[in-house]
Amino acid sequence: MTKDGAKEASKEVLATHFAMSPAEATAWLGTNFDSAWEYYDVNGTGQIDAVGVSTFFRSLTKKLGALDL
């Protein structure tokens, strides 16, 4: 998954699992997305393996509580 794709999917995860509005999700991701992305994109390729995406989403949202995917 590319970084842009992950950011868009993250907005959907935040809306679906944490009831955030698009504006809230965008603001929250502005603060939290890049550091989570950099942790998982260890090679700096701009993408992460699709197998690890659910783990990425859990890590990204851990401050918000449990995420059941």
Protein backbone atom coordinates (compact mmCIF):
# COMPACT_ATOMS: atom_id res chain seq x y z
CA MET A 1 0.00 0.00 0.00
CA THR A 2 1.33 3.43 -0.87
CA LYS A 3 1.58 6.26 1.63
CA ASP A 4 -1.24 8.17 -0.07
CA GLY A 5 -3.42 5.06 -0.14
CA ALA A 6 -2.71 4.36 3.51
CA LYS A 7 -3.65 7.90 4.47
CA GLU A 8 -6.98 7.64 2.64
CA ALA A 9 -7.66 4.22 4.15
CA SER A 10 -6.77 5.61 7.58
CA LYS A 11 -9.48 8.23 7.22
CA GLU A 12 -11.97 5.42 6.57
CA VAL A 13 -10.73 3.46 9.60
CA LEU A 14 -11.08 6.53 11.81
CA ALA A 15 -14.58 7.23 10.51
CA THR A 16 -15.77 3.63 10.76
CA HIS A 17 -14.17 2.51 14.01
CA PHE A 18 -13.82 5.78 15.94
CA ALA A 19 -16.76 7.83 14.57
CA MET A 20 -14.57 10.73 13.43
CA SER A 21 -15.82 13.23 10.91
CA PRO A 22 -13.65 13.83 7.82
CA ALA A 23 -12.34 17.06 9.37
CA GLU A 24 -11.53 15.35 12.68
CA ALA A 25 -9.79 12.48 10.90
CA THR A 26 -7.74 14.84 8.74
CA ALA A 27 -6.65 16.85 11.79
CA TRP A 28 -5.82 13.72 13.80
CA LEU A 29 -3.82 12.24 10.93
CA GLY A 30 -1.95 15.52 10.52
CA THR A 31 -0.57 14.99 14.00
CA ASN A 32 -0.12 11.20 14.05
CA PHE A 33 0.19 9.70 10.56
CA ASP A 34 3.74 10.56 9.51
CA SER A 35 5.46 9.15 12.58
CA ALA A 36 3.50 5.89 12.31
CA TRP A 37 4.22 5.68 8.58
CA GLU A 38 7.95 6.25 9.04
CA TYR A 39 8.08 3.45 11.61
CA TYR A 40 6.55 0.92 9.18
CA ASP A 41 8.17 2.15 5.95
CA VAL A 42 11.62 1.18 7.20
CA ASN A 43 13.19 1.17 3.73
CA GLY A 44 11.75 4.56 2.78
CA THR A 45 10.11 3.18 -0.36
CA GLY A 46 6.80 5.01 0.09
CA GLN A 47 4.89 1.76 0.51
CA ILE A 48 4.30 -1.01 3.00
CA ASP A 49 3.36 -4.62 2.40
CA ALA A 50 -0.38 -5.25 2.33
CA VAL A 51 0.09 -8.05 4.86
CA GLY A 52 1.26 -5.53 7.46
CA VAL A 53 -1.44 -2.93 6.88
CA SER A 54 -3.71 -4.10 9.71
CA THR A 55 -0.77 -3.92 12.12
CA PHE A 56 -0.01 -0.42 10.84
CA PHE A 57 -3.61 0.68 11.48
CA ARG A 58 -3.56 -0.78 15.00
CA SER A 59 -0.31 1.03 15.76
CA LEU A 60 -1.56 4.28 14.25
CA THR A 61 -4.74 4.27 16.36
CA LYS A 62 -3.40 2.81 19.63
CA LYS A 63 -3.84 6.20 21.35
CA LEU A 64 -7.59 5.99 20.59
CA GLY A 65 -8.18 2.52 22.06
CA ALA A 66 -8.65 -1.00 20.76
CA LEU A 67 -9.14 -1.51 17.02
CA ASP A 68 -10.87 -4.68 15.89
CA LEU A 69 -10.21 -5.26 12.21
